[in-house]
Amino acid sequence: VRFILKVILIILLVVLIIFLVFKIKNKNISSNNKDNKISVL
């Protein structure tokens, strides 16, 4: 039980880190697109 709980906690922690990284990156991309918006023309 202790081993399984550790594995589950590690998996959750990795998922959380990945989620935060992608969220920050998407936020930066969104900000850059907003600040540096260039028309097709």
Full PDB file with SEQRES, HELIX, SHEET, SSBOND, CRYST1, ORIGX, SCALE, CONECT and MASTER records, all heavy atoms in Angstrom:
SEQRES   1 A   41  VAL ARG PHE ILE LEU LYS VAL ILE LEU ILE ILE LEU LEU          
SEQRES   2 A   41  VAL VAL LEU ILE ILE PHE LEU VAL PHE LYS ILE LYS ASN          
SEQRES   3 A   41  LYS ASN ILE SER SER ASN ASN LYS ASP ASN LYS ILE SER          
SEQRES   4 A   41  VAL LEU                                                      
HELIX    1 AA1 ARG A    2  ASP A   35  1                                  34    
CRYST1    1.000    1.000    1.000  90.00  90.00  90.00 P 1           1          
ORIGX1      1.000000  0.000000  0.000000        0.00000                         
ORIGX2      0.000000  1.000000  0.000000        0.00000                         
ORIGX3      0.000000  0.000000  1.000000        0.00000                         
SCALE1      1.000000  0.000000  0.000000        0.00000                         
SCALE2      0.000000  1.000000  0.000000        0.00000                         
SCALE3      0.000000  0.000000  1.000000        0.00000                         
ATOM      1  N   VAL A   1       0.836  -1.205   0.000  1.00  0.00           N  
ATOM      2  CA  VAL A   1       0.000   0.000   0.000  1.00  0.00           C  
ATOM      3  C   VAL A   1       0.870   1.254   0.000  1.00  0.00           C  
ATOM      4  O   VAL A   1       0.635   2.210  -0.743  1.00  0.00           O  
ATOM      5  CB  VAL A   1      -0.968  -0.002   1.204  1.00  0.00           C  
ATOM      6  CG1 VAL A   1      -1.662   1.366   1.319  1.00  0.00           C  
ATOM      7  CG2 VAL A   1      -1.997  -1.111   1.055  1.00  0.00           C  
ATOM      8  N   ARG A   2       1.914   1.245   0.811  1.00  0.00           N  
ATOM      9  CA  ARG A   2       2.792   2.427   0.855  1.00  0.00           C  
ATOM     10  C   ARG A   2       3.503   2.633  -0.482  1.00  0.00           C  
ATOM     11  O   ARG A   2       3.633   3.766  -0.953  1.00  0.00           O  
ATOM     12  CB  ARG A   2       3.832   2.238   1.960  1.00  0.00           C  
ATOM     13  CG  ARG A   2       3.228   2.360   3.363  1.00  0.00           C  
ATOM     14  CD  ARG A   2       4.302   2.203   4.417  1.00  0.00           C  
ATOM     15  NE  ARG A   2       5.304   3.260   4.263  1.00  0.00           N  
ATOM     16  CZ  ARG A   2       6.431   3.287   4.972  1.00  0.00           C  
ATOM     17  NH1 ARG A   2       6.702   2.308   5.847  1.00  0.00           N  
ATOM     18  NH2 ARG A   2       7.288   4.270   4.819  1.00  0.00           N  
ATOM     19  N   PHE A   3       3.942   1.549  -1.071  1.00  0.00           N  
ATOM     20  CA  PHE A   3       4.612   1.649  -2.359  1.00  0.00           C  
ATOM     21  C   PHE A   3       3.683   2.205  -3.440  1.00  0.00           C  
ATOM     22  O   PHE A   3       4.048   3.076  -4.229  1.00  0.00           O  
ATOM     23  CB  PHE A   3       5.138   0.275  -2.758  1.00  0.00           C  
ATOM     24  CG  PHE A   3       5.801   0.263  -4.106  1.00  0.00           C  
ATOM     25  CD1 PHE A   3       7.089   0.796  -4.268  1.00  0.00           C  
ATOM     26  CD2 PHE A   3       5.142  -0.246  -5.217  1.00  0.00           C  
ATOM     27  CE1 PHE A   3       7.698   0.795  -5.502  1.00  0.00           C  
ATOM     28  CE2 PHE A   3       5.751  -0.235  -6.443  1.00  0.00           C  
ATOM     29  CZ  PHE A   3       7.034   0.273  -6.589  1.00  0.00           C  
ATOM     30  N   ILE A   4       2.467   1.699  -3.452  1.00  0.00           N  
ATOM     31  CA  ILE A   4       1.488   2.146  -4.451  1.00  0.00           C  
ATOM     32  C   ILE A   4       1.168   3.620  -4.256  1.00  0.00           C  
ATOM     33  O   ILE A   4       1.066   4.405  -5.210  1.00  0.00           O  
ATOM     34  CB  ILE A   4       0.209   1.292  -4.377  1.00  0.00           C  
ATOM     35  CG1 ILE A   4       0.530  -0.151  -4.833  1.00  0.00           C  
ATOM     36  CG2 ILE A   4      -0.898   1.890  -5.254  1.00  0.00           C  
ATOM     37  CD1 ILE A   4      -0.610  -1.115  -4.628  1.00  0.00           C  
ATOM     38  N   LEU A   5       1.002   4.023  -2.982  1.00  0.00           N  
ATOM     39  CA  LEU A   5       0.720   5.435  -2.708  1.00  0.00           C  
ATOM     40  C   LEU A   5       1.859   6.332  -3.185  1.00  0.00           C  
ATOM     41  O   LEU A   5       1.629   7.424  -3.745  1.00  0.00           O  
ATOM     42  CB  LEU A   5       0.478   5.645  -1.213  1.00  0.00           C  
ATOM     43  CG  LEU A   5      -0.842   5.090  -0.674  1.00  0.00           C  
ATOM     44  CD1 LEU A   5      -0.921   5.257   0.837  1.00  0.00           C  
ATOM     45  CD2 LEU A   5      -2.029   5.795  -1.337  1.00  0.00           C  
ATOM     46  N   LYS A   6       3.106   5.913  -2.984  1.00  0.00           N  
ATOM     47  CA  LYS A   6       4.246   6.701  -3.446  1.00  0.00           C  
ATOM     48  C   LYS A   6       4.231   6.849  -4.961  1.00  0.00           C  
ATOM     49  O   LYS A   6       4.469   7.930  -5.504  1.00  0.00           O  
ATOM     50  CB  LYS A   6       5.545   6.044  -3.004  1.00  0.00           C  
ATOM     51  CG  LYS A   6       5.834   6.194  -1.522  1.00  0.00           C  
ATOM     52  CD  LYS A   6       7.173   5.568  -1.189  1.00  0.00           C  
ATOM     53  CE  LYS A   6       7.501   5.720   0.302  1.00  0.00           C  
ATOM     54  NZ  LYS A   6       8.793   5.095   0.648  1.00  0.00           N  
ATOM     55  N   VAL A   7       3.963   5.757  -5.655  1.00  0.00           N  
ATOM     56  CA  VAL A   7       3.917   5.805  -7.110  1.00  0.00           C  
ATOM     57  C   VAL A   7       2.840   6.773  -7.586  1.00  0.00           C  
ATOM     58  O   VAL A   7       3.038   7.586  -8.500  1.00  0.00           O  
ATOM     59  CB  VAL A   7       3.697   4.404  -7.695  1.00  0.00           C  
ATOM     60  CG1 VAL A   7       3.449   4.480  -9.211  1.00  0.00           C  
ATOM     61  CG2 VAL A   7       4.894   3.508  -7.407  1.00  0.00           C  
ATOM     62  N   ILE A   8       1.667   6.674  -6.922  1.00  0.00           N  
ATOM     63  CA  ILE A   8       0.555   7.557  -7.324  1.00  0.00           C  
ATOM     64  C   ILE A   8       0.923   9.016  -7.094  1.00  0.00           C  
ATOM     65  O   ILE A   8       0.656   9.887  -7.930  1.00  0.00           O  
ATOM     66  CB  ILE A   8      -0.726   7.176  -6.549  1.00  0.00           C  
ATOM     67  CG1 ILE A   8      -1.207   5.784  -6.999  1.00  0.00           C  
ATOM     68  CG2 ILE A   8      -1.821   8.216  -6.775  1.00  0.00           C  
ATOM     69  CD1 ILE A   8      -2.375   5.257  -6.184  1.00  0.00           C  
ATOM     70  N   LEU A   9       1.547   9.304  -5.959  1.00  0.00           N  
ATOM     71  CA  LEU A   9       1.930  10.680  -5.654  1.00  0.00           C  
ATOM     72  C   LEU A   9       2.956  11.201  -6.670  1.00  0.00           C  
ATOM     73  O   LEU A   9       2.886  12.364  -7.114  1.00  0.00           O  
ATOM     74  CB  LEU A   9       2.499  10.774  -4.239  1.00  0.00           C  
ATOM     75  CG  LEU A   9       1.482  10.651  -3.101  1.00  0.00           C  
ATOM     76  CD1 LEU A   9       2.181  10.630  -1.750  1.00  0.00           C  
ATOM     77  CD2 LEU A   9       0.474  11.797  -3.159  1.00  0.00           C  
ATOM     78  N   ILE A  10       3.915  10.376  -7.048  1.00  0.00           N  
ATOM     79  CA  ILE A  10       4.922  10.784  -8.031  1.00  0.00           C  
ATOM     80  C   ILE A  10       4.275  11.087  -9.379  1.00  0.00           C  
ATOM     81  O   ILE A  10       4.576  12.091 -10.047  1.00  0.00           O  
ATOM     82  CB  ILE A  10       6.003   9.700  -8.175  1.00  0.00           C  
ATOM     83  CG1 ILE A  10       6.836   9.622  -6.890  1.00  0.00           C  
ATOM     84  CG2 ILE A  10       6.921   9.999  -9.370  1.00  0.00           C  
ATOM     85  CD1 ILE A  10       7.814   8.473  -6.863  1.00  0.00           C  
ATOM     86  N   ILE A  11       3.345  10.233  -9.782  1.00  0.00           N  
ATOM     87  CA  ILE A  11       2.654  10.441 -11.063  1.00  0.00           C  
ATOM     88  C   ILE A  11       1.873  11.746 -11.039  1.00  0.00           C  
ATOM     89  O   ILE A  11       1.896  12.546 -11.981  1.00  0.00           O  
ATOM     90  CB  ILE A  11       1.738   9.251 -11.383  1.00  0.00           C  
ATOM     91  CG1 ILE A  11       2.593   7.984 -11.636  1.00  0.00           C  
ATOM     92  CG2 ILE A  11       0.851   9.555 -12.596  1.00  0.00           C  
ATOM     93  CD1 ILE A  11       1.778   6.726 -11.816  1.00  0.00           C  
ATOM     94  N   LEU A  12       1.148  11.981  -9.925  1.00  0.00           N  
ATOM     95  CA  LEU A  12       0.369  13.219  -9.807  1.00  0.00           C  
ATOM     96  C   LEU A  12       1.271  14.444  -9.846  1.00  0.00           C  
ATOM     97  O   LEU A  12       0.941  15.464 -10.463  1.00  0.00           O  
ATOM     98  CB  LEU A  12      -0.449  13.196  -8.508  1.00  0.00           C  
ATOM     99  CG  LEU A  12      -1.610  12.201  -8.467  1.00  0.00           C  
ATOM    100  CD1 LEU A  12      -2.262  12.210  -7.086  1.00  0.00           C  
ATOM    101  CD2 LEU A  12      -2.652  12.534  -9.538  1.00  0.00           C  
ATOM    102  N   LEU A  13       2.427  14.341  -9.191  1.00  0.00           N  
ATOM    103  CA  LEU A  13       3.351  15.468  -9.166  1.00  0.00           C  
ATOM    104  C   LEU A  13       3.893  15.763 -10.569  1.00  0.00           C  
ATOM    105  O   LEU A  13       3.981  16.927 -10.988  1.00  0.00           O  
ATOM    106  CB  LEU A  13       4.516  15.167  -8.211  1.00  0.00           C  
ATOM    107  CG  LEU A  13       5.552  16.285  -8.038  1.00  0.00           C  
ATOM    108  CD1 LEU A  13       4.874  17.542  -7.491  1.00  0.00           C  
ATOM    109  CD2 LEU A  13       6.663  15.843  -7.105  1.00  0.00           C  
ATOM    110  N   VAL A  14       4.246  14.723 -11.320  1.00  0.00           N  
ATOM    111  CA  VAL A  14       4.740  14.910 -12.687  1.00  0.00           C  
ATOM    112  C   VAL A  14       3.664  15.541 -13.572  1.00  0.00           C  
ATOM    113  O   VAL A  14       3.921  16.464 -14.351  1.00  0.00           O  
ATOM    114  CB  VAL A  14       5.205  13.567 -13.273  1.00  0.00           C  
ATOM    115  CG1 VAL A  14       5.512  13.714 -14.771  1.00  0.00           C  
ATOM    116  CG2 VAL A  14       6.433  13.050 -12.532  1.00  0.00           C  
ATOM    117  N   VAL A  15       2.429  15.039 -13.437  1.00  0.00           N  
ATOM    118  CA  VAL A  15       1.321  15.599 -14.241  1.00  0.00           C  
ATOM    119  C   VAL A  15       1.113  17.061 -13.907  1.00  0.00           C  
ATOM    120  O   VAL A  15       0.893  17.905 -14.788  1.00  0.00           O  
ATOM    121  CB  VAL A  15       0.043  14.777 -13.997  1.00  0.00           C  
ATOM    122  CG1 VAL A  15      -1.152  15.469 -14.654  1.00  0.00           C  
ATOM    123  CG2 VAL A  15       0.197  13.373 -14.560  1.00  0.00           C  
ATOM    124  N   LEU A  16       1.184  17.399 -12.613  1.00  0.00           N  
ATOM    125  CA  LEU A  16       0.992  18.787 -12.190  1.00  0.00           C  
ATOM    126  C   LEU A  16       2.081  19.695 -12.767  1.00  0.00           C  
ATOM    127  O   LEU A  16       1.794  20.804 -13.242  1.00  0.00           O  
ATOM    128  CB  LEU A  16       0.982  18.860 -10.653  1.00  0.00           C  
ATOM    129  CG  LEU A  16       0.791  20.269 -10.057  1.00  0.00           C  
ATOM    130  CD1 LEU A  16      -0.550  20.858 -10.496  1.00  0.00           C  
ATOM    131  CD2 LEU A  16       0.874  20.209  -8.529  1.00  0.00           C  
ATOM    132  N   ILE A  17       3.334  19.219 -12.724  1.00  0.00           N  
ATOM    133  CA  ILE A  17       4.441  20.025 -13.265  1.00  0.00           C  
ATOM    134  C   ILE A  17       4.264  20.252 -14.759  1.00  0.00           C  
ATOM    135  O   ILE A  17       4.431  21.370 -15.271  1.00  0.00           O  
ATOM    136  CB  ILE A  17       5.784  19.335 -12.976  1.00  0.00           C  
ATOM    137  CG1 ILE A  17       6.086  19.371 -11.469  1.00  0.00           C  
ATOM    138  CG2 ILE A  17       6.923  20.028 -13.747  1.00  0.00           C  
ATOM    139  CD1 ILE A  17       7.311  18.585 -11.082  1.00  0.00           C  
ATOM    140  N   ILE A  18       3.912  19.199 -15.500  1.00  0.00           N  
ATOM    141  CA  ILE A  18       3.699  19.327 -16.949  1.00  0.00           C  
ATOM    142  C   ILE A  18       2.579  20.318 -17.235  1.00  0.00           C  
ATOM    143  O   ILE A  18       2.659  21.163 -18.127  1.00  0.00           O  
ATOM    144  CB  ILE A  18       3.401  17.949 -17.579  1.00  0.00           C  
ATOM    145  CG1 ILE A  18       4.641  17.036 -17.468  1.00  0.00           C  
ATOM    146  CG2 ILE A  18       2.972  18.089 -19.029  1.00  0.00           C  
ATOM    147  CD1 ILE A  18       4.406  15.625 -17.924  1.00  0.00           C  
ATOM    148  N   PHE A  19       1.503  20.227 -16.445  1.00  0.00           N  
ATOM    149  CA  PHE A  19       0.365  21.121 -16.631  1.00  0.00           C  
ATOM    150  C   PHE A  19       0.775  22.581 -16.426  1.00  0.00           C  
ATOM    151  O   PHE A  19       0.418  23.463 -17.209  1.00  0.00           O  
ATOM    152  CB  PHE A  19      -0.756  20.725 -15.666  1.00  0.00           C  
ATOM    153  CG  PHE A  19      -1.912  21.693 -15.664  1.00  0.00           C  
ATOM    154  CD1 PHE A  19      -2.844  21.698 -16.704  1.00  0.00           C  
ATOM    155  CD2 PHE A  19      -2.058  22.617 -14.642  1.00  0.00           C  
ATOM    156  CE1 PHE A  19      -3.891  22.594 -16.689  1.00  0.00           C  
ATOM    157  CE2 PHE A  19      -3.105  23.505 -14.637  1.00  0.00           C  
ATOM    158  CZ  PHE A  19      -4.024  23.506 -15.664  1.00  0.00           C  
ATOM    159  N   LEU A  20       1.539  22.821 -15.355  1.00  0.00           N  
ATOM    160  CA  LEU A  20       1.970  24.198 -15.073  1.00  0.00           C  
ATOM    161  C   LEU A  20       2.894  24.720 -16.160  1.00  0.00           C  
ATOM    162  O   LEU A  20       2.805  25.887 -16.560  1.00  0.00           O  
ATOM    163  CB  LEU A  20       2.660  24.249 -13.702  1.00  0.00           C  
ATOM    164  CG  LEU A  20       1.755  24.014 -12.488  1.00  0.00           C  
ATOM    165  CD1 LEU A  20       2.579  24.004 -11.209  1.00  0.00           C  
ATOM    166  CD2 LEU A  20       0.681  25.099 -12.400  1.00  0.00           C  
ATOM    167  N   VAL A  21       3.818  23.876 -16.640  1.00  0.00           N  
ATOM    168  CA  VAL A  21       4.747  24.314 -17.687  1.00  0.00           C  
ATOM    169  C   VAL A  21       3.999  24.706 -18.956  1.00  0.00           C  
ATOM    170  O   VAL A  21       4.233  25.763 -19.552  1.00  0.00           O  
ATOM    171  CB  VAL A  21       5.783  23.216 -17.985  1.00  0.00           C  
ATOM    172  CG1 VAL A  21       6.570  23.555 -19.263  1.00  0.00           C  
ATOM    173  CG2 VAL A  21       6.741  23.062 -16.815  1.00  0.00           C  
ATOM    174  N   PHE A  22       3.064  23.859 -19.377  1.00  0.00           N  
ATOM    175  CA  PHE A  22       2.297  24.162 -20.583  1.00  0.00           C  
ATOM    176  C   PHE A  22       1.411  25.379 -20.402  1.00  0.00           C  
ATOM    177  O   PHE A  22       1.206  26.165 -21.329  1.00  0.00           O  
ATOM    178  CB  PHE A  22       1.446  22.950 -20.993  1.00  0.00           C  
ATOM    179  CG  PHE A  22       2.203  21.971 -21.834  1.00  0.00           C  
ATOM    180  CD1 PHE A  22       2.859  20.895 -21.265  1.00  0.00           C  
ATOM    181  CD2 PHE A  22       2.293  22.145 -23.211  1.00  0.00           C  
ATOM    182  CE1 PHE A  22       3.564  19.998 -22.039  1.00  0.00           C  
ATOM    183  CE2 PHE A  22       2.999  21.253 -23.999  1.00  0.00           C  
ATOM    184  CZ  PHE A  22       3.633  20.176 -23.419  1.00  0.00           C  
ATOM    185  N   LYS A  23       0.910  25.561 -19.200  1.00  0.00           N  
ATOM    186  CA  LYS A  23       0.056  26.709 -18.947  1.00  0.00           C  
ATOM    187  C   LYS A  23       0.845  28.003 -19.052  1.00  0.00           C  
ATOM    188  O   LYS A  23       0.394  28.986 -19.658  1.00  0.00           O  
ATOM    189  CB  LYS A  23      -0.579  26.589 -17.561  1.00  0.00           C  
ATOM    190  CG  LYS A  23      -1.604  27.690 -17.276  1.00  0.00           C  
ATOM    191  CD  LYS A  23      -2.314  27.446 -15.955  1.00  0.00           C  
ATOM    192  CE  LYS A  23      -3.359  28.545 -15.712  1.00  0.00           C  
ATOM    193  NZ  LYS A  23      -4.050  28.348 -14.428  1.00  0.00           N  
ATOM    194  N   ILE A  24       2.061  27.993 -18.451  1.00  0.00           N  
ATOM    195  CA  ILE A  24       2.914  29.188 -18.517  1.00  0.00           C  
ATOM    196  C   ILE A  24       3.336  29.462 -19.954  1.00  0.00           C  
ATOM    197  O   ILE A  24       3.327  30.597 -20.436  1.00  0.00           O  
ATOM    198  CB  ILE A  24       4.153  29.017 -17.612  1.00  0.00           C  
ATOM    199  CG1 ILE A  24       3.716  28.978 -16.150  1.00  0.00           C  
ATOM    200  CG2 ILE A  24       5.158  30.150 -17.849  1.00  0.00           C  
ATOM    201  CD1 ILE A  24       4.845  28.650 -15.195  1.00  0.00           C  
ATOM    202  N   LYS A  25       3.726  28.409 -20.692  1.00  0.00           N  
ATOM    203  CA  LYS A  25       4.151  28.585 -22.075  1.00  0.00           C  
ATOM    204  C   LYS A  25       3.025  29.126 -22.938  1.00  0.00           C  
ATOM    205  O   LYS A  25       3.208  30.033 -23.746  1.00  0.00           O  
ATOM    206  CB  LYS A  25       4.640  27.241 -22.620  1.00  0.00           C  
ATOM    207  CG  LYS A  25       5.197  27.332 -24.039  1.00  0.00           C  
ATOM    208  CD  LYS A  25       5.756  25.999 -24.474  1.00  0.00           C  
ATOM    209  CE  LYS A  25       6.342  26.102 -25.886  1.00  0.00           C  
ATOM    210  NZ  LYS A  25       6.862  24.808 -26.334  1.00  0.00           N  
ATOM    211  N   ASN A  26       1.811  28.571 -22.759  1.00  0.00           N  
ATOM    212  CA  ASN A  26       0.667  29.047 -23.536  1.00  0.00           C  
ATOM    213  C   ASN A  26       0.329  30.480 -23.187  1.00  0.00           C  
ATOM    214  O   ASN A  26      -0.082  31.269 -24.034  1.00  0.00           O  
ATOM    215  CB  ASN A  26      -0.546  28.158 -23.294  1.00  0.00           C  
ATOM    216  CG  ASN A  26      -0.372  26.777 -23.917  1.00  0.00           C  
ATOM    217  OD1 ASN A  26       0.376  26.629 -24.882  1.00  0.00           O  
ATOM    218  ND2 ASN A  26      -1.034  25.773 -23.365  1.00  0.00           N  
ATOM    219  N   LYS A  27       0.536  30.824 -21.910  1.00  0.00           N  
ATOM    220  CA  LYS A  27       0.266  32.201 -21.494  1.00  0.00           C  
ATOM    221  C   LYS A  27       1.239  33.155 -22.163  1.00  0.00           C  
ATOM    222  O   LYS A  27       0.866  34.229 -22.633  1.00  0.00           O  
ATOM    223  CB  LYS A  27       0.377  32.315 -19.978  1.00  0.00           C  
ATOM    224  CG  LYS A  27       0.046  33.701 -19.455  1.00  0.00           C  
ATOM    225  CD  LYS A  27       0.127  33.723 -17.951  1.00  0.00           C  
ATOM    226  CE  LYS A  27      -0.215  35.120 -17.422  1.00  0.00           C  
ATOM    227  NZ  LYS A  27      -0.122  35.185 -15.941  1.00  0.00           N  
ATOM    228  N   ASN A  28       2.528  32.750 -22.220  1.00  0.00           N  
ATOM    229  CA  ASN A  28       3.537  33.589 -22.874  1.00  0.00           C  
ATOM    230  C   ASN A  28       3.254  33.729 -24.355  1.00  0.00           C  
ATOM    231  O   ASN A  28       3.379  34.802 -24.938  1.00  0.00           O  
ATOM    232  CB  ASN A  28       4.937  33.018 -22.656  1.00  0.00           C  
ATOM    233  CG  ASN A  28       5.389  33.145 -21.222  1.00  0.00           C  
ATOM    234  OD1 ASN A  28       4.897  34.012 -20.491  1.00  0.00           O  
ATOM    235  ND2 ASN A  28       6.310  32.278 -20.812  1.00  0.00           N  
ATOM    236  N   ILE A  29       2.878  32.616 -24.967  1.00  0.00           N  
ATOM    237  CA  ILE A  29       2.576  32.663 -26.404  1.00  0.00           C  
ATOM    238  C   ILE A  29       1.382  33.558 -26.669  1.00  0.00           C  
ATOM    239  O   ILE A  29       1.365  34.369 -27.594  1.00  0.00           O  
ATOM    240  CB  ILE A  29       2.326  31.237 -26.948  1.00  0.00           C  
ATOM    241  CG1 ILE A  29       3.618  30.427 -26.888  1.00  0.00           C  
ATOM    242  CG2 ILE A  29       1.787  31.287 -28.368  1.00  0.00           C  
ATOM    243  CD1 ILE A  29       3.454  28.986 -27.279  1.00  0.00           C  
ATOM    244  N   SER A  30       0.372  33.425 -25.811  1.00  0.00           N  
ATOM    245  CA  SER A  30      -0.812  34.264 -25.964  1.00  0.00           C  
ATOM    246  C   SER A  30      -0.472  35.723 -25.783  1.00  0.00           C  
ATOM    247  O   SER A  30      -0.945  36.589 -26.508  1.00  0.00           O  
ATOM    248  CB  SER A  30      -1.875  33.835 -24.942  1.00  0.00           C  
ATOM    249  OG  SER A  30      -2.999  34.675 -25.009  1.00  0.00           O  
ATOM    250  N   SER A  31       0.403  35.987 -24.783  1.00  0.00           N  
ATOM    251  CA  SER A  31       0.811  37.374 -24.541  1.00  0.00           C  
ATOM    252  C   SER A  31       1.598  37.920 -25.706  1.00  0.00           C  
ATOM    253  O   SER A  31       1.394  39.055 -26.138  1.00  0.00           O  
ATOM    254  CB  SER A  31       1.638  37.443 -23.261  1.00  0.00           C  
ATOM    255  OG  SER A  31       2.109  38.745 -23.066  1.00  0.00           O  
ATOM    256  N   ASN A  32       2.516  37.103 -26.244  1.00  0.00           N  
ATOM    257  CA  ASN A  32       3.307  37.553 -27.380  1.00  0.00           C  
ATOM    258  C   ASN A  32       2.433  37.807 -28.591  1.00  0.00           C  
ATOM    259  O   ASN A  32       2.625  38.769 -29.324  1.00  0.00           O  
ATOM    260  CB  ASN A  32       4.385  36.530 -27.727  1.00  0.00           C  
ATOM    261  CG  ASN A  32       5.471  36.487 -26.684  1.00  0.00           C  
ATOM    262  OD1 ASN A  32       5.690  37.474 -25.976  1.00  0.00           O  
ATOM    263  ND2 ASN A  32       6.150  35.348 -26.571  1.00  0.00           N  
ATOM    264  N   ASN A  33       1.470  36.938 -28.801  1.00  0.00           N  
ATOM    265  CA  ASN A  33       0.577  37.121 -29.942  1.00  0.00           C  
ATOM    266  C   ASN A  33      -0.267  38.366 -29.778  1.00  0.00           C  
ATOM    267  O   ASN A  33      -0.601  39.047 -30.740  1.00  0.00           O  
ATOM    268  CB  ASN A  33      -0.331  35.901 -30.112  1.00  0.00           C  
ATOM    269  CG  ASN A  33       0.446  34.697 -30.619  1.00  0.00           C  
ATOM    270  OD1 ASN A  33       1.501  34.859 -31.227  1.00  0.00           O  
ATOM    271  ND2 ASN A  33      -0.055  33.504 -30.363  1.00  0.00           N  
ATOM    272  N   LYS A  34      -0.603  38.654 -28.539  1.00  0.00           N  
ATOM    273  CA  LYS A  34      -1.424  39.836 -28.280  1.00  0.00           C  
ATOM    274  C   LYS A  34      -0.617  41.100 -28.480  1.00  0.00           C  
ATOM    275  O   LYS A  34      -1.098  42.094 -29.024  1.00  0.00           O  
ATOM    276  CB  LYS A  34      -1.964  39.771 -26.854  1.00  0.00           C  
ATOM    277  CG  LYS A  34      -2.903  40.934 -26.518  1.00  0.00           C  
ATOM    278  CD  LYS A  34      -3.445  40.772 -25.119  1.00  0.00           C  
ATOM    279  CE  LYS A  34      -4.396  41.925 -24.777  1.00  0.00           C  
ATOM    280  NZ  LYS A  34      -4.924  41.786 -23.403  1.00  0.00           N  
ATOM    281  N   ASP A  35       0.656  41.072 -28.001  1.00  0.00           N  
ATOM    282  CA  ASP A  35       1.497  42.260 -28.088  1.00  0.00           C  
ATOM    283  C   ASP A  35       2.056  42.450 -29.476  1.00  0.00           C  
ATOM    284  O   ASP A  35       2.308  43.568 -29.905  1.00  0.00           O  
ATOM    285  CB  ASP A  35       2.656  42.174 -27.081  1.00  0.00           C  
ATOM    286  CG  ASP A  35       2.134  42.193 -25.656  1.00  0.00           C  
ATOM    287  OD1 ASP A  35       1.002  42.681 -25.463  1.00  0.00           O  
ATOM    288  OD2 ASP A  35       2.866  41.712 -24.768  1.00  0.00           O  
ATOM    289  N   ASN A  36       2.333  41.363 -30.196  1.00  0.00           N  
ATOM    290  CA  ASN A  36       2.990  41.447 -31.498  1.00  0.00           C  
ATOM    291  C   ASN A  36       2.074  40.950 -32.599  1.00  0.00           C  
ATOM    292  O   ASN A  36       2.479  40.201 -33.472  1.00  0.00           O  
ATOM    293  CB  ASN A  36       4.293  40.643 -31.503  1.00  0.00           C  
ATOM    294  CG  ASN A  36       5.229  41.099 -30.418  1.00  0.00           C  
ATOM    295  OD1 ASN A  36       5.432  42.291 -30.243  1.00  0.00           O  
ATOM    296  ND2 ASN A  36       5.799  40.162 -29.687  1.00  0.00           N  
ATOM    297  N   LYS A  37       0.843  41.328 -32.544  1.00  0.00           N  
ATOM    298  CA  LYS A  37      -0.127  40.874 -33.530  1.00  0.00           C  
ATOM    299  C   LYS A  37       0.183  41.489 -34.885  1.00  0.00           C  
ATOM    300  O   LYS A  37       0.310  42.691 -35.033  1.00  0.00           O  
ATOM    301  CB  LYS A  37      -1.529  41.271 -33.090  1.00  0.00           C  
ATOM    302  CG  LYS A  37      -2.614  40.700 -33.997  1.00  0.00           C  
ATOM    303  CD  LYS A  37      -3.971  41.049 -33.448  1.00  0.00           C  
ATOM    304  CE  LYS A  37      -5.082  40.470 -34.337  1.00  0.00           C  
ATOM    305  NZ  LYS A  37      -6.404  40.808 -33.841  1.00  0.00           N  
ATOM    306  N   ILE A  38       0.340  40.671 -35.909  1.00  0.00           N  
ATOM    307  CA  ILE A  38       0.681  41.131 -37.257  1.00  0.00           C  
ATOM    308  C   ILE A  38      -0.391  40.648 -38.217  1.00  0.00           C  
ATOM    309  O   ILE A  38      -0.755  39.478 -38.229  1.00  0.00           O  
ATOM    310  CB  ILE A  38       2.061  40.590 -37.676  1.00  0.00           C  
ATOM    311  CG1 ILE A  38       3.113  41.103 -36.697  1.00  0.00           C  
ATOM    312  CG2 ILE A  38       2.391  40.978 -39.094  1.00  0.00           C  
ATOM    313  CD1 ILE A  38       4.491  40.568 -36.972  1.00  0.00           C  
ATOM    314  N   SER A  39      -0.900  41.551 -38.995  1.00  0.00           N  
ATOM    315  CA  SER A  39      -1.952  41.202 -39.928  1.00  0.00           C  
ATOM    316  C   SER A  39      -1.384  40.423 -41.097  1.00  0.00           C  
ATOM    317  O   SER A  39      -0.185  40.399 -41.339  1.00  0.00           O  
ATOM    318  CB  SER A  39      -2.635  42.483 -40.426  1.00  0.00           C  
ATOM    319  OG  SER A  39      -1.713  43.251 -41.161  1.00  0.00           O  
ATOM    320  N   VAL A  40      -2.270  39.797 -41.844  1.00  0.00           N  
ATOM    321  CA  VAL A  40      -1.853  39.050 -43.024  1.00  0.00           C  
ATOM    322  C   VAL A  40      -1.238  39.992 -44.049  1.00  0.00           C  
ATOM    323  O   VAL A  40      -0.269  39.659 -44.724  1.00  0.00           O  
ATOM    324  CB  VAL A  40      -3.061  38.312 -43.631  1.00  0.00           C  
ATOM    325  CG1 VAL A  40      -2.671  37.618 -44.935  1.00  0.00           C  
ATOM    326  CG2 VAL A  40      -3.614  37.302 -42.641  1.00  0.00           C  
ATOM    327  N   LEU A  41      -1.780  41.215 -44.134  1.00  0.00           N  
ATOM    328  CA  LEU A  41      -1.245  42.198 -45.068  1.00  0.00           C  
ATOM    329  C   LEU A  41       0.197  42.546 -44.720  1.00  0.00           C  
ATOM    330  O   LEU A  41       1.070  42.592 -45.581  1.00  0.00           O  
ATOM    331  CB  LEU A  41      -2.106  43.459 -45.056  1.00  0.00           C  
ATOM    332  CG  LEU A  41      -1.632  44.609 -45.969  1.00  0.00           C  
ATOM    333  CD1 LEU A  41      -1.578  44.150 -47.406  1.00  0.00           C  
ATOM    334  CD2 LEU A  41      -2.534  45.826 -45.795  1.00  0.00           C  
TER     335      LEU A  41                                                      
MASTER        0    0    0    1    0    0    0    6  334    1    0    4          
END                                                                             
